[in-house]
PDB file of N, CA and C in Angstrom:
ATOM      1  N   MET A   1      19.001  -6.857   8.855  1.00  0.00           N
ATOM      2  CA  MET A   1      18.788  -5.676   8.052  1.00  0.00           C
ATOM      3  C   MET A   1      19.682  -5.770   6.814  1.00  0.00           C
ATOM      4  N   ILE A   2      19.196  -5.254   5.710  1.00  0.00           N
ATOM      5  CA  ILE A   2      19.957  -5.336   4.467  1.00  0.00           C
ATOM      6  C   ILE A   2      21.034  -4.260   4.430  1.00  0.00           C
ATOM      7  N   THR A   3      22.045  -4.483   3.631  1.00  0.00           N
ATOM      8  CA  THR A   3      23.147  -3.533   3.496  1.00  0.00           C
ATOM      9  C   THR A   3      22.786  -2.462   2.461  1.00  0.00           C
ATOM     10  N   PRO A   4      23.506  -1.347   2.448  1.00  0.00           N
ATOM     11  CA  PRO A   4      23.227  -0.304   1.443  1.00  0.00           C
ATOM     12  C   PRO A   4      23.370  -0.795  -0.001  1.00  0.00           C
ATOM     13  N   ASN A   5      24.333  -1.667  -0.263  1.00  0.00           N
ATOM     14  CA  ASN A   5      24.483  -2.204  -1.620  1.00  0.00           C
ATOM     15  C   ASN A   5      23.297  -3.086  -2.007  1.00  0.00           C
ATOM     16  N   GLN A   6      22.804  -3.887  -1.073  1.00  0.00           N
ATOM     17  CA  GLN A   6      21.631  -4.697  -1.345  1.00  0.00           C
ATOM     18  C   GLN A   6      20.402  -3.822  -1.560  1.00  0.00           C
ATOM     19  N   ARG A   7      20.326  -2.710  -0.832  1.00  0.00           N
ATOM     20  CA  ARG A   7      19.220  -1.764  -1.012  1.00  0.00           C
ATOM     21  C   ARG A   7      19.219  -1.204  -2.430  1.00  0.00           C
ATOM     22  N   LYS A   8      20.410  -0.899  -2.970  1.00  0.00           N
ATOM     23  CA  LYS A   8      20.513  -0.407  -4.346  1.00  0.00           C
ATOM     24  C   LYS A   8      20.058  -1.463  -5.345  1.00  0.00           C
ATOM     25  N   ILE A   9      20.434  -2.715  -5.105  1.00  0.00           N
ATOM     26  CA  ILE A   9      20.015  -3.802  -5.978  1.00  0.00           C
ATOM     27  C   ILE A   9      18.492  -3.951  -5.960  1.00  0.00           C
ATOM     28  N   ILE A  10      17.903  -3.874  -4.778  1.00  0.00           N
ATOM     29  CA  ILE A  10      16.457  -4.003  -4.654  1.00  0.00           C
ATOM     30  C   ILE A  10      15.754  -2.851  -5.362  1.00  0.00           C
ATOM     31  N   ARG A  11      16.269  -1.635  -5.209  1.00  0.00           N
ATOM     32  CA  ARG A  11      15.682  -0.487  -5.917  1.00  0.00           C
ATOM     33  C   ARG A  11      15.702  -0.691  -7.425  1.00  0.00           C
ATOM     34  N   LEU A  12      16.814  -1.176  -7.942  1.00  0.00           N
ATOM     35  CA  LEU A  12      16.931  -1.427  -9.370  1.00  0.00           C
ATOM     36  C   LEU A  12      15.940  -2.499  -9.816  1.00  0.00           C
ATOM     37  N   LEU A  13      15.822  -3.567  -9.043  1.00  0.00           N
ATOM     38  CA  LEU A  13      14.905  -4.650  -9.397  1.00  0.00           C
ATOM     39  C   LEU A  13      13.443  -4.212  -9.307  1.00  0.00           C
ATOM     40  N   ILE A  14      13.136  -3.290  -8.413  1.00  0.00           N
ATOM     41  CA  ILE A  14      11.780  -2.734  -8.355  1.00  0.00           C
ATOM     42  C   ILE A  14      11.532  -1.859  -9.575  1.00  0.00           C
ATOM     43  N   LYS A  15      12.547  -1.115  -9.976  1.00  0.00           N
ATOM     44  CA  LYS A  15      12.403  -0.235 -11.131  1.00  0.00           C
ATOM     45  C   LYS A  15      12.155  -1.028 -12.420  1.00  0.00           C
ATOM     46  N   ILE A  16      12.804  -2.187 -12.564  1.00  0.00           N
ATOM     47  CA  ILE A  16      12.589  -2.999 -13.771  1.00  0.00           C
ATOM     48  C   ILE A  16      11.436  -3.994 -13.581  1.00  0.00           C
ATOM     49  N   ARG A  17      10.726  -3.880 -12.471  1.00  0.00           N
ATOM     50  CA  ARG A  17       9.529  -4.660 -12.157  1.00  0.00           C
ATOM     51  C   ARG A  17       9.787  -6.153 -11.978  1.00  0.00           C
ATOM     52  N   ALA A  18      10.959  -6.495 -11.490  1.00  0.00           N
ATOM     53  CA  ALA A  18      11.230  -7.881 -11.120  1.00  0.00           C
ATOM     54  C   ALA A  18      10.769  -8.126  -9.680  1.00  0.00           C
ATOM     55  N   PHE A  19      10.906  -7.110  -8.840  1.00  0.00           N
ATOM     56  CA  PHE A  19      10.402  -7.135  -7.471  1.00  0.00           C
ATOM     57  C   PHE A  19       9.233  -6.163  -7.388  1.00  0.00           C
ATOM     58  N   TYR A  20       8.397  -6.346  -6.378  1.00  0.00           N
ATOM     59  CA  TYR A  20       7.287  -5.427  -6.145  1.00  0.00           C
ATOM     60  C   TYR A  20       7.157  -5.193  -4.650  1.00  0.00           C
ATOM     61  N   LEU A  21       6.501  -4.116  -4.284  1.00  0.00           N
ATOM     62  CA  LEU A  21       6.280  -3.765  -2.888  1.00  0.00           C
ATOM     63  C   LEU A  21       4.818  -3.997  -2.537  1.00  0.00           C
ATOM     64  N   TYR A  22       4.579  -4.435  -1.314  1.00  0.00           N
ATOM     65  CA  TYR A  22       3.221  -4.585  -0.819  1.00  0.00           C
ATOM     66  C   TYR A  22       3.213  -4.260   0.667  1.00  0.00           C
ATOM     67  N   GLU A  23       2.032  -4.042   1.205  1.00  0.00           N
ATOM     68  CA  GLU A  23       1.896  -3.677   2.611  1.00  0.00           C
ATOM     69  C   GLU A  23       1.395  -4.869   3.406  1.00  0.00           C
ATOM     70  N   HIS A  24       2.048  -5.121   4.545  1.00  0.00           N
ATOM     71  CA  HIS A  24       1.678  -6.211   5.434  1.00  0.00           C
ATOM     72  C   HIS A  24       1.811  -5.713   6.856  1.00  0.00           C
ATOM     73  N   PHE A  25       0.728  -5.681   7.602  1.00  0.00           N
ATOM     74  CA  PHE A  25       0.715  -5.136   8.959  1.00  0.00           C
ATOM     75  C   PHE A  25       1.275  -3.714   9.000  1.00  0.00           C
ATOM     76  N   ARG A  26       0.862  -2.904   8.064  1.00  0.00           N
ATOM     77  CA  ARG A  26       1.266  -1.495   7.954  1.00  0.00           C
ATOM     78  C   ARG A  26       2.767  -1.309   7.758  1.00  0.00           C
ATOM     79  N   CYS A  27       3.446  -2.327   7.256  1.00  0.00           N
ATOM     80  CA  CYS A  27       4.868  -2.237   6.949  1.00  0.00           C
ATOM     81  C   CYS A  27       5.074  -2.608   5.483  1.00  0.00           C
ATOM     82  N   VAL A  28       6.046  -1.973   4.871  1.00  0.00           N
ATOM     83  CA  VAL A  28       6.351  -2.255   3.472  1.00  0.00           C
ATOM     84  C   VAL A  28       7.169  -3.536   3.387  1.00  0.00           C
ATOM     85  N   ARG A  29       6.729  -4.449   2.536  1.00  0.00           N
ATOM     86  CA  ARG A  29       7.423  -5.708   2.314  1.00  0.00           C
ATOM     87  C   ARG A  29       7.781  -5.840   0.839  1.00  0.00           C
ATOM     88  N   VAL A  30       8.735  -6.693   0.541  1.00  0.00           N
ATOM     89  CA  VAL A  30       9.212  -6.899  -0.826  1.00  0.00           C
ATOM     90  C   VAL A  30       8.817  -8.294  -1.278  1.00  0.00           C
ATOM     91  N   GLY A  31       8.249  -8.361  -2.479  1.00  0.00           N
ATOM     92  CA  GLY A  31       7.913  -9.640  -3.095  1.00  0.00           C
ATOM     93  C   GLY A  31       8.626  -9.746  -4.432  1.00  0.00           C
ATOM     94  N   ALA A  32       8.670 -10.933  -4.984  1.00  0.00           N
ATOM     95  CA  ALA A  32       9.368 -11.150  -6.254  1.00  0.00           C
ATOM     96  C   ALA A  32       8.458 -11.876  -7.224  1.00  0.00           C
ATOM     97  N   LYS A  33       8.637 -11.573  -8.489  1.00  0.00           N
ATOM     98  CA  LYS A  33       7.939 -12.321  -9.528  1.00  0.00           C
ATOM     99  C   LYS A  33       8.577 -13.714  -9.595  1.00  0.00           C
ATOM    100  N   PRO A  34       7.852 -14.709 -10.131  1.00  0.00           N
ATOM    101  CA  PRO A  34       8.337 -16.103 -10.060  1.00  0.00           C
ATOM    102  C   PRO A  34       9.746 -16.333 -10.598  1.00  0.00           C
ATOM    103  N   ARG A  35      10.136 -15.669 -11.648  1.00  0.00           N
ATOM    104  CA  ARG A  35      11.482 -15.889 -12.196  1.00  0.00           C
ATOM    105  C   ARG A  35      12.592 -15.333 -11.304  1.00  0.00           C
ATOM    106  N   PHE A  36      12.246 -14.398 -10.426  1.00  0.00           N
ATOM    107  CA  PHE A  36      13.249 -13.759  -9.576  1.00  0.00           C
ATOM    108  C   PHE A  36      13.134 -14.175  -8.117  1.00  0.00           C
ATOM    109  N   GLN A  37      12.353 -15.199  -7.842  1.00  0.00           N
ATOM    110  CA  GLN A  37      12.195 -15.660  -6.464  1.00  0.00           C
ATOM    111  C   GLN A  37      13.514 -16.176  -5.892  1.00  0.00           C
ATOM    112  N   TRP A  38      14.356 -16.769  -6.716  1.00  0.00           N
ATOM    113  CA  TRP A  38      15.657 -17.260  -6.240  1.00  0.00           C
ATOM    114  C   TRP A  38      16.523 -16.104  -5.741  1.00  0.00           C
ATOM    115  N   LEU A  39      16.408 -14.945  -6.386  1.00  0.00           N
ATOM    116  CA  LEU A  39      17.192 -13.783  -5.959  1.00  0.00           C
ATOM    117  C   LEU A  39      16.691 -13.242  -4.619  1.00  0.00           C
ATOM    118  N   LEU A  40      15.383 -13.224  -4.443  1.00  0.00           N
ATOM    119  CA  LEU A  40      14.817 -12.797  -3.159  1.00  0.00           C
ATOM    120  C   LEU A  40      15.217 -13.780  -2.062  1.00  0.00           C
ATOM    121  N   ASN A  41      15.202 -15.057  -2.349  1.00  0.00           N
ATOM    122  CA  ASN A  41      15.632 -16.060  -1.362  1.00  0.00           C
ATOM    123  C   ASN A  41      17.105 -15.888  -1.008  1.00  0.00           C
ATOM    124  N   TRP A  42      17.923 -15.554  -1.998  1.00  0.00           N
ATOM    125  CA  TRP A  42      19.347 -15.307  -1.745  1.00  0.00           C
ATOM    126  C   TRP A  42      19.524 -14.105  -0.831  1.00  0.00           C
ATOM    127  N   LEU A  43      18.768 -13.028  -1.075  1.00  0.00           N
ATOM    128  CA  LEU A  43      18.842 -11.848  -0.219  1.00  0.00           C
ATOM    129  C   LEU A  43      18.349 -12.161   1.192  1.00  0.00           C
ATOM    130  N   LEU A  44      17.314 -12.979   1.308  1.00  0.00           N
ATOM    131  CA  LEU A  44      16.803 -13.366   2.626  1.00  0.00           C
ATOM    132  C   LEU A  44      17.842 -14.170   3.405  1.00  0.00           C
ATOM    133  N   ASP A  45      18.556 -15.046   2.721  1.00  0.00           N
ATOM    134  CA  ASP A  45      19.577 -15.854   3.400  1.00  0.00           C
ATOM    135  C   ASP A  45      20.769 -15.025   3.837  1.00  0.00           C
ATOM    136  N   ARG A  46      21.092 -13.978   3.100  1.00  0.00           N
ATOM    137  CA  ARG A  46      22.265 -13.168   3.395  1.00  0.00           C
ATOM    138  C   ARG A  46      22.018 -12.069   4.430  1.00  0.00           C
ATOM    139  N   GLN A  47      20.769 -11.743   4.713  1.00  0.00           N
ATOM    140  CA  GLN A  47      20.511 -10.638   5.632  1.00  0.00           C
ATOM    141  C   GLN A  47      20.824 -11.026   7.070  1.00  0.00           C
ATOM    142  N   VAL A  48      21.317 -10.081   7.819  1.00  0.00           N
ATOM    143  CA  VAL A  48      21.643 -10.285   9.226  1.00  0.00           C
ATOM    144  C   VAL A  48      20.381 -10.042  10.039  1.00  0.00           C
ATOM    145  N   VAL A  49      20.002 -11.023  10.842  1.00  0.00           N
ATOM    146  CA  VAL A  49      18.796 -10.885  11.661  1.00  0.00           C
ATOM    147  C   VAL A  49      19.173 -10.889  13.136  1.00  0.00           C
ATOM    148  N   ASP A  50      18.305 -10.295  13.935  1.00  0.00           N
ATOM    149  CA  ASP A  50      18.541 -10.236  15.379  1.00  0.00           C
ATOM    150  C   ASP A  50      17.654 -11.262  16.085  1.00  0.00           C
ATOM    151  N   ASP A  51      17.868 -11.431  17.377  1.00  0.00           N
ATOM    152  CA  ASP A  51      17.078 -12.369  18.173  1.00  0.00           C
ATOM    153  C   ASP A  51      16.099 -11.646  19.090  1.00  0.00           C
ATOM    154  N   TRP A  52      15.778 -10.408  18.786  1.00  0.00           N
ATOM    155  CA  TRP A  52      14.856  -9.643  19.611  1.00  0.00           C
ATOM    156  C   TRP A  52      13.422  -9.976  19.233  1.00  0.00           C
ATOM    157  N   HIS A  53      12.532  -9.766  20.156  1.00  0.00           N
ATOM    158  CA  HIS A  53      11.116 -10.050  19.937  1.00  0.00           C
ATOM    159  C   HIS A  53      10.403  -8.755  19.576  1.00  0.00           C
ATOM    160  N   HIS A  54      10.228  -8.537  18.281  1.00  0.00           N
ATOM    161  CA  HIS A  54       9.595  -7.322  17.790  1.00  0.00           C
ATOM    162  C   HIS A  54       8.080  -7.465  17.794  1.00  0.00           C
ATOM    163  N   ALA A  55       7.409  -6.328  17.843  1.00  0.00           N
ATOM    164  CA  ALA A  55       5.961  -6.307  17.713  1.00  0.00           C
ATOM    165  C   ALA A  55       5.577  -6.677  16.278  1.00  0.00           C
ATOM    166  N   PRO A  56       4.362  -7.173  16.050  1.00  0.00           N
ATOM    167  CA  PRO A  56       3.975  -7.562  14.684  1.00  0.00           C
ATOM    168  C   PRO A  56       4.022  -6.410  13.681  1.00  0.00           C
ATOM    169  N   ALA A  57       3.738  -5.198  14.097  1.00  0.00           N
ATOM    170  CA  ALA A  57       3.726  -4.058  13.174  1.00  0.00           C
ATOM    171  C   ALA A  57       5.068  -3.336  13.105  1.00  0.00           C
ATOM    172  N   CYS A  58       6.078  -3.864  13.736  1.00  0.00           N
ATOM    173  CA  CYS A  58       7.398  -3.234  13.703  1.00  0.00           C
ATOM    174  C   CYS A  58       8.063  -3.501  12.349  1.00  0.00           C
ATOM    175  N   PRO A  59       8.647  -2.467  11.719  1.00  0.00           N
ATOM    176  CA  PRO A  59       9.288  -2.684  10.427  1.00  0.00           C
ATOM    177  C   PRO A  59      10.540  -3.551  10.500  1.00  0.00           C
ATOM    178  N   ALA A  60      11.072  -3.782  11.685  1.00  0.00           N
ATOM    179  CA  ALA A  60      12.267  -4.615  11.835  1.00  0.00           C
ATOM    180  C   ALA A  60      11.921  -6.081  12.104  1.00  0.00           C
ATOM    181  N   ASN A  61      10.647  -6.417  12.143  1.00  0.00           N
ATOM    182  CA  ASN A  61      10.237  -7.798  12.354  1.00  0.00           C
ATOM    183  C   ASN A  61      10.483  -8.574  11.070  1.00  0.00           C
ATOM    184  N   HIS A  62      11.297  -9.621  11.147  1.00  0.00           N
ATOM    185  CA  HIS A  62      11.665 -10.379   9.948  1.00  0.00           C
ATOM    186  C   HIS A  62      10.805 -11.620   9.760  1.00  0.00           C
ATOM    187  N   TRP A  63       9.842 -11.856  10.649  1.00  0.00           N
ATOM    188  CA  TRP A  63       8.911 -12.968  10.536  1.00  0.00           C
ATOM    189  C   TRP A  63       9.644 -14.290  10.284  1.00  0.00           C
ATOM    190  N   CYS A  64      10.555 -14.621  11.175  1.00  0.00           N
ATOM    191  CA  CYS A  64      11.327 -15.875  11.104  1.00  0.00           C
ATOM    192  C   CYS A  64      12.075 -15.994   9.779  1.00  0.00           C
ATOM    193  N   ARG A  65      12.737 -14.922   9.388  1.00  0.00           N
ATOM    194  CA  ARG A  65      13.549 -14.850   8.163  1.00  0.00           C
ATOM    195  C   ARG A  65      12.722 -14.968   6.884  1.00  0.00           C
ATOM    196  N   MET A  66      11.454 -14.603   6.936  1.00  0.00           N
ATOM    197  CA  MET A  66      10.599 -14.703   5.763  1.00  0.00           C
ATOM    198  C   MET A  66      10.436 -13.377   5.023  1.00  0.00           C
ATOM    199  N   SER A  67      10.906 -12.253   5.590  1.00  0.00           N
ATOM    200  CA  SER A  67      10.790 -10.974   4.896  1.00  0.00           C
ATOM    201  C   SER A  67      12.059 -10.153   5.113  1.00  0.00           C
ATOM    202  N   LEU A  68      12.324  -9.283   4.174  1.00  0.00           N
ATOM    203  CA  LEU A  68      13.495  -8.420   4.260  1.00  0.00           C
ATOM    204  C   LEU A  68      13.233  -7.286   5.243  1.00  0.00           C
ATOM    205  N   VAL A  69      14.228  -6.948   6.022  1.00  0.00           N
ATOM    206  CA  VAL A  69      14.122  -5.835   6.963  1.00  0.00           C
ATOM    207  C   VAL A  69      14.688  -4.605   6.275  1.00  0.00           C
ATOM    208  N   LEU A  70      13.814  -3.629   6.024  1.00  0.00           N
ATOM    209  CA  LEU A  70      14.213  -2.426   5.308  1.00  0.00           C
ATOM    210  C   LEU A  70      14.409  -1.227   6.227  1.00  0.00           C
ATOM    211  N   GLN A  71      13.827  -1.265   7.430  1.00  0.00           N
ATOM    212  CA  GLN A  71      13.888  -0.129   8.349  1.00  0.00           C
ATOM    213  C   GLN A  71      14.315  -0.600   9.733  1.00  0.00           C
ATOM    214  N   ARG A  72      14.629   0.369  10.569  1.00  0.00           N
ATOM    215  CA  ARG A  72      15.029   0.072  11.944  1.00  0.00           C
ATOM    216  C   ARG A  72      13.814  -0.198  12.831  1.00  0.00           C
ATOM    217  N   CYS A  73      14.085  -0.676  14.024  1.00  0.00           N
ATOM    218  CA  CYS A  73      13.048  -1.021  14.998  1.00  0.00           C
ATOM    219  C   CYS A  73      12.345   0.240  15.507  1.00  0.00           C
ATOM    220  N   THR A  74      11.015   0.170  15.601  1.00  0.00           N
ATOM    221  CA  THR A  74      10.233   1.266  16.168  1.00  0.00           C
ATOM    222  C   THR A  74       9.405   0.819  17.362  1.00  0.00           C
ATOM    223  N   CYS A  75       9.490  -0.457  17.736  1.00  0.00           N
ATOM    224  CA  CYS A  75       8.646  -0.975  18.807  1.00  0.00           C
ATOM    225  C   CYS A  75       9.327  -0.956  20.173  1.00  0.00           C
ATOM    226  N   GLY A  76      10.619  -0.721  20.222  1.00  0.00           N
ATOM    227  CA  GLY A  76      11.327  -0.685  21.494  1.00  0.00           C
ATOM    228  C   GLY A  76      12.082  -1.957  21.820  1.00  0.00           C
ATOM    229  N   ALA A  77      12.038  -2.958  20.984  1.00  0.00           N
ATOM    230  CA  ALA A  77      12.761  -4.204  21.257  1.00  0.00           C
ATOM    231  C   ALA A  77      14.268  -3.966  21.223  1.00  0.00           C
ATOM    232  N   GLU A  78      14.710  -3.085  20.353  1.00  0.00           N
ATOM    233  CA  GLU A  78      16.136  -2.772  20.277  1.00  0.00           C
ATOM    234  C   GLU A  78      16.609  -2.056  21.537  1.00  0.00           C
ATOM    235  N   LYS A  79      15.746  -1.207  22.078  1.00  0.00           N
ATOM    236  CA  LYS A  79      16.080  -0.440  23.281  1.00  0.00           C
ATOM    237  C   LYS A  79      16.112  -1.326  24.523  1.00  0.00           C
ATOM    238  N   HIS A  80      15.230  -2.315  24.579  1.00  0.00           N
ATOM    239  CA  HIS A  80      15.092  -3.154  25.761  1.00  0.00           C
ATOM    240  C   HIS A  80      15.744  -4.521  25.615  1.00  0.00           C
ATOM    241  N   LYS A  81      16.760  -4.611  24.774  1.00  0.00           N
ATOM    242  CA  LYS A  81      17.439  -5.903  24.593  1.00  0.00           C
ATOM    243  C   LYS A  81      18.187  -6.288  25.861  1.00  0.00           C
ATOM    244  N   ILE A  82      18.340  -7.560  26.075  1.00  0.00           N
ATOM    245  CA  ILE A  82      19.034  -8.065  27.257  1.00  0.00           C
ATOM    246  C   ILE A  82      20.518  -8.100  26.945  1.00  0.00           C
ATOM    247  N   LYS A  83      21.312  -7.515  27.821  1.00  0.00           N
ATOM    248  CA  LYS A  83      22.758  -7.451  27.604  1.00  0.00           C
ATOM    249  C   LYS A  83      23.463  -8.595  28.273  1.00  0.00           C
TER     250      LYS A  83
END
């Protein structure tokens, strides 16, 4: 999941139209224009990911580190994690 400071950066980049939002499996995802793809890749590398098995439509599914996680888990994987 991204940090609050990274969320502010993403909001700013969306406002100046360097990043854009799109829908994938009923979840909001972030894409980047070609000149800013390196910044999106940097954010993807820095985000903390979990090892839980989320449902495909869960907003916390990071698709093998290919998308930014903007929201918490809604599928129950967080609740049923193995301790």
